Protein backbone atom coordinates (compact mmCIF):
# COMPACT_ATOMS: atom_id res chain seq x y z
CA UNK A 1 -71.80 -41.82 -54.99
CA UNK A 2 -71.00 -40.90 -58.45
CA UNK A 3 -74.24 -42.27 -59.77
CA UNK A 4 -76.09 -40.79 -56.99
CA UNK A 5 -74.77 -37.31 -58.37
CA UNK A 6 -75.49 -37.86 -61.91
CA UNK A 7 -79.15 -39.42 -61.21
CA UNK A 8 -79.89 -36.04 -58.99
CA UNK A 9 -78.42 -33.60 -61.69
CA UNK A 10 -80.29 -35.45 -64.71
CA UNK A 11 -83.38 -35.17 -62.62
CA UNK A 12 -82.84 -31.65 -61.63
CA UNK A 13 -81.85 -30.72 -65.61
CA UNK A 14 -84.76 -32.83 -66.92
CA UNK A 15 -87.22 -30.96 -64.36
CA UNK A 16 -85.70 -27.61 -65.34
CA UNK A 17 -86.15 -28.61 -69.42
CA UNK A 18 -89.58 -29.54 -69.08
CA UNK A 19 -90.57 -26.58 -66.82
CA UNK A 20 -88.85 -23.98 -69.71
CA UNK A 21 -90.57 -25.80 -72.25
CA UNK A 22 -93.62 -25.45 -70.73
CA UNK A 23 -92.96 -22.02 -69.88
CA UNK A 24 -91.77 -21.19 -73.23
CA UNK A 25 -94.79 -22.90 -75.09
CA UNK A 26 -97.43 -20.75 -73.09
CA UNK A 27 -95.49 -17.67 -73.52
CA UNK A 28 -95.79 -18.34 -77.37
CA UNK A 29 -99.50 -19.18 -77.42
CA UNK A 30 -102.01 -16.34 -77.30
CA UNK A 31 -106.26 -16.83 -76.65
CA UNK A 32 -106.92 -13.49 -77.79
CA UNK A 33 -104.80 -11.36 -80.04
CA UNK A 34 -107.25 -8.34 -79.65
CA UNK A 35 -106.26 -7.12 -76.37
CA UNK A 36 -102.69 -7.76 -76.80
CA UNK A 37 -99.90 -5.60 -77.48
CA UNK A 38 -96.84 -6.67 -79.48
CA UNK A 39 -96.43 -9.96 -81.35
CA UNK A 40 -95.04 -13.85 -80.32
CA UNK A 41 -92.32 -15.33 -82.04
CA UNK A 42 -89.06 -17.14 -81.13
CA UNK A 43 -86.47 -17.57 -84.24
CA UNK A 44 -83.04 -19.11 -84.41
CA UNK A 45 -80.30 -16.87 -84.96
CA UNK A 46 -77.83 -19.29 -84.60
CA UNK A 47 -76.98 -22.82 -83.36
CA UNK A 48 -73.59 -24.10 -82.50
CA UNK A 49 -73.01 -27.86 -83.00
CA UNK A 50 -71.68 -28.25 -79.57
CA UNK A 51 -75.08 -27.57 -78.01
CA UNK A 52 -75.44 -23.50 -77.90
CA UNK A 53 -78.17 -21.59 -79.61
CA UNK A 54 -79.34 -18.10 -79.90
CA UNK A 55 -82.89 -17.19 -80.50
CA UNK A 56 -84.59 -13.83 -81.04
CA UNK A 57 -87.92 -14.18 -78.95
CA UNK A 58 -90.84 -11.78 -79.06
CA UNK A 59 -93.56 -12.00 -76.44
CA UNK A 60 -96.65 -10.23 -76.15
CA UNK A 61 -98.29 -7.99 -73.50
CA UNK A 62 -100.89 -10.84 -72.67
CA UNK A 63 -97.87 -13.40 -72.16
CA UNK A 64 -95.35 -11.56 -70.48
CA UNK A 65 -96.45 -11.90 -66.76
CA UNK A 66 -97.27 -15.57 -67.31
CA UNK A 67 -93.58 -15.99 -68.28
CA UNK A 68 -92.34 -13.80 -65.35
CA UNK A 69 -94.40 -15.75 -62.91
CA UNK A 70 -93.19 -18.90 -64.66
CA UNK A 71 -89.57 -17.92 -63.46
CA UNK A 72 -91.01 -17.36 -60.03
CA UNK A 73 -92.13 -21.14 -60.02
CA UNK A 74 -88.65 -22.46 -60.97
CA UNK A 75 -87.17 -20.22 -58.28
CA UNK A 76 -89.41 -21.95 -55.71
CA UNK A 77 -88.86 -25.11 -56.63
CA UNK A 78 -84.86 -24.81 -56.94
CA UNK A 79 -85.34 -23.07 -53.44
CA UNK A 80 -87.12 -25.99 -52.00
CA UNK A 81 -84.65 -28.56 -53.53
CA UNK A 82 -81.65 -26.67 -52.36
CA UNK A 83 -83.16 -26.65 -48.85
CA UNK A 84 -84.07 -30.76 -49.23
CA UNK A 85 -80.80 -31.05 -50.61
CA UNK A 86 -78.78 -29.10 -48.04
CA UNK A 87 -77.22 -32.47 -46.59
CA UNK A 88 -75.59 -33.55 -49.77
CA UNK A 89 -73.88 -30.74 -51.52
CA UNK A 90 -74.42 -31.42 -55.12
CA UNK A 91 -78.05 -31.16 -54.90
CA UNK A 92 -77.71 -27.78 -53.39
CA UNK A 93 -75.03 -26.64 -56.09
CA UNK A 94 -77.61 -27.53 -59.14
CA UNK A 95 -80.41 -26.01 -57.20
CA UNK A 96 -78.47 -22.70 -56.95
CA UNK A 97 -77.65 -22.79 -60.45
CA UNK A 98 -81.00 -22.99 -61.46
CA UNK A 99 -82.13 -20.41 -58.68
CA UNK A 100 -79.48 -17.97 -60.30
CA UNK A 101 -80.50 -18.48 -63.69
CA UNK A 102 -84.18 -18.23 -63.04
CA UNK A 103 -84.14 -14.86 -60.80
CA UNK A 104 -81.45 -13.19 -63.94
CA UNK A 105 -84.35 -14.07 -66.57
CA UNK A 106 -87.04 -12.85 -64.21
CA UNK A 107 -85.34 -9.60 -63.39
CA UNK A 108 -84.23 -9.04 -66.96
CA UNK A 109 -88.24 -9.43 -68.23
CA UNK A 110 -89.83 -7.72 -65.62
CA UNK A 111 -87.43 -4.87 -66.08
CA UNK A 112 -88.34 -4.25 -69.84
CA UNK A 113 -91.83 -5.37 -69.48
CA UNK A 114 -93.53 -1.96 -68.49
CA UNK A 115 -95.99 0.11 -69.89
CA UNK A 116 -98.33 -2.83 -71.05
CA UNK A 117 -96.06 -3.59 -73.96
CA UNK A 118 -94.68 -6.83 -75.15
CA UNK A 119 -91.35 -7.62 -74.98
CA UNK A 120 -88.27 -8.47 -77.54
CA UNK A 121 -85.34 -10.36 -76.41
CA UNK A 122 -82.68 -12.42 -77.29
CA UNK A 123 -82.03 -15.72 -75.55
CA UNK A 124 -78.42 -17.50 -75.74
CA UNK A 125 -78.32 -20.87 -74.54
CA UNK A 126 -81.29 -20.04 -71.89
CA UNK A 127 -80.36 -16.70 -70.94
CA UNK A 128 -82.10 -13.92 -71.58
CA UNK A 129 -80.37 -10.82 -73.12
CA UNK A 130 -80.80 -7.54 -74.56
CA UNK A 131 -84.37 -7.07 -73.40
CA UNK A 132 -86.27 -4.33 -74.73
CA UNK A 133 -90.19 -3.14 -74.89
CA UNK A 134 -91.74 -3.93 -78.35
C-alpha cells in the first residue's frame, strides 16, 4: 500500500515538474521581440540547501497568455487525476494540491497581465508572489 502511494505521488510530482519546466521554457523564449512589450528573464535570488529557491521572473506580453494557458492545462490534468483517483484518497489529495497551486498562480498572473504589458513577479518554491506589470 505504501509503495502504491509513493509511486502515485512520484508520478504526479514528476508530471507536474515536467509540465512546469515545459511551460517555464516556453514562457522565456520569444519568436519575435518586435511586437512584444517587456523582457524575459529568470534570475535566482536565493537558494536554500534544503530545497527552496526564490527567483525574480520577467515575462513579455507575447508569452504571458501562454503561461496562463499552461496553468489551465495543469488544472485540467490535476482535476482529471483527482476524479480518477477518487476511489483512492491519496491520489485525490495530491491532485488537489497541484490544482490549488496552478489556480493560485494563474490568478496572480492574470491579475497583473493587463493592458498588453509583460509581467514581473517573484517565484518562491514555485509559487507566484509580488506580481506586477512591467
